[in-house]
Amino acid sequence: MRDQIRDFIIAALREMNYDVSDVTGQTVLGPAGLDLESLALADLAVQVEEEYGVKFELDDMESTALMTIDEFTAEVDSRMNGTAVGSAL
């Protein structure tokens, strides 16, 4: 399931016009990696919410920006199973 979630996240980023050609699971979503702005993080969160039926709060965006794609994938997976694992979530 995590591979499917990761693929969805990368596809969503591609559709948002981010260059994902060099993206790996260790790529950070925020300033240290893809440099997603808060609006882009919110857009990604909404797309993930709609696809997987999970919920992210506005307060989650700051910690999400520090996550790698693999960490965000794990967070989505854990929320789907009702066991959020994020440090600040």
Protein backbone atom coordinates (compact mmCIF):
# COMPACT_ATOMS: atom_id res chain seq x y z
CA MET A 1 0.00 0.00 0.00
CA ARG A 2 2.84 2.40 0.78
CA ASP A 3 4.16 2.10 -2.77
CA GLN A 4 0.74 3.08 -4.08
CA ILE A 5 0.58 6.07 -1.70
CA ARG A 6 4.11 7.19 -2.65
CA ASP A 7 3.27 6.90 -6.35
CA PHE A 8 0.13 8.98 -5.80
CA ILE A 9 2.10 11.68 -3.93
CA ILE A 10 4.73 11.88 -6.67
CA ALA A 11 2.07 11.99 -9.39
CA ALA A 12 0.26 14.77 -7.50
CA LEU A 13 3.49 16.75 -7.23
CA ARG A 14 4.11 16.27 -10.97
CA GLU A 15 0.60 17.57 -11.71
CA MET A 16 1.38 20.57 -9.49
CA ASN A 17 4.31 21.28 -11.87
CA TYR A 18 7.11 20.24 -9.53
CA ASP A 19 10.16 18.59 -11.07
CA VAL A 20 10.07 15.09 -9.63
CA SER A 21 12.70 13.58 -11.94
CA ASP A 22 15.27 13.34 -9.13
CA VAL A 23 12.81 12.70 -6.29
CA THR A 24 13.48 9.74 -4.00
CA GLY A 25 11.85 8.56 -0.81
CA GLN A 26 14.44 10.62 1.08
CA THR A 27 13.51 13.91 -0.63
CA VAL A 28 12.19 16.42 1.89
CA LEU A 29 8.89 18.11 1.01
CA GLY A 30 9.84 21.52 2.44
CA PRO A 31 12.80 23.93 2.16
CA ALA A 32 15.53 21.29 2.35
CA GLY A 33 14.17 19.45 -0.69
CA LEU A 34 11.26 20.17 -3.02
CA ASP A 35 10.70 23.52 -1.29
CA LEU A 36 6.90 23.25 -1.26
CA GLU A 37 5.29 26.45 -0.02
CA SER A 38 2.52 26.23 2.56
CA LEU A 39 -0.17 26.57 -0.11
CA ALA A 40 1.36 23.71 -2.12
CA LEU A 41 1.58 21.56 1.03
CA ALA A 42 -2.09 22.27 1.73
CA ASP A 43 -2.98 21.40 -1.88
CA LEU A 44 -1.07 18.11 -1.61
CA ALA A 45 -2.74 17.34 1.73
CA VAL A 46 -6.20 17.94 0.24
CA GLN A 47 -5.46 15.64 -2.68
CA VAL A 48 -4.25 12.93 -0.29
CA GLU A 49 -7.30 13.46 1.94
CA GLU A 50 -9.65 13.03 -1.01
CA GLU A 51 -7.83 9.97 -2.35
CA TYR A 52 -7.28 8.10 0.91
CA GLY A 53 -9.95 9.44 3.29
CA VAL A 54 -7.50 10.77 5.86
CA LYS A 55 -7.57 14.19 7.51
CA PHE A 56 -4.77 16.73 7.97
CA GLU A 57 -5.19 19.83 10.12
CA LEU A 58 -3.71 23.23 9.32
CA ASP A 59 -1.32 22.76 12.25
CA ASP A 60 0.06 19.63 10.56
CA MET A 61 1.53 21.56 7.63
CA GLU A 62 4.60 22.82 9.50
CA SER A 63 5.67 19.32 10.52
CA THR A 64 4.72 17.94 7.11
CA ALA A 65 7.18 20.34 5.45
CA LEU A 66 9.98 18.67 7.42
CA MET A 67 9.04 15.16 6.30
CA THR A 68 10.61 13.17 3.51
CA ILE A 69 8.34 11.62 0.91
CA ASP A 70 8.76 8.24 2.65
CA GLU A 71 7.88 9.77 6.04
CA PHE A 72 4.80 11.48 4.59
CA THR A 73 3.83 8.20 2.90
CA ALA A 74 4.15 6.39 6.26
CA GLU A 75 2.07 9.11 7.93
CA VAL A 76 -0.72 8.75 5.37
CA ASP A 77 -0.60 4.97 5.74
CA SER A 78 -0.76 5.17 9.54
CA ARG A 79 -3.68 7.62 9.42
CA MET A 80 -5.53 5.23 7.14
CA ASN A 81 -5.08 2.61 9.84
CA GLY A 82 -5.90 5.02 12.68
CA THR A 83 -2.40 5.01 14.13
CA ALA A 84 -0.75 8.37 13.36
CA VAL A 85 3.00 8.17 13.94
CA GLY A 86 4.19 11.71 13.10
CA SER A 87 6.30 13.39 15.78
CA ALA A 88 4.19 16.54 15.94
CA LEU A 89 0.92 15.02 14.78
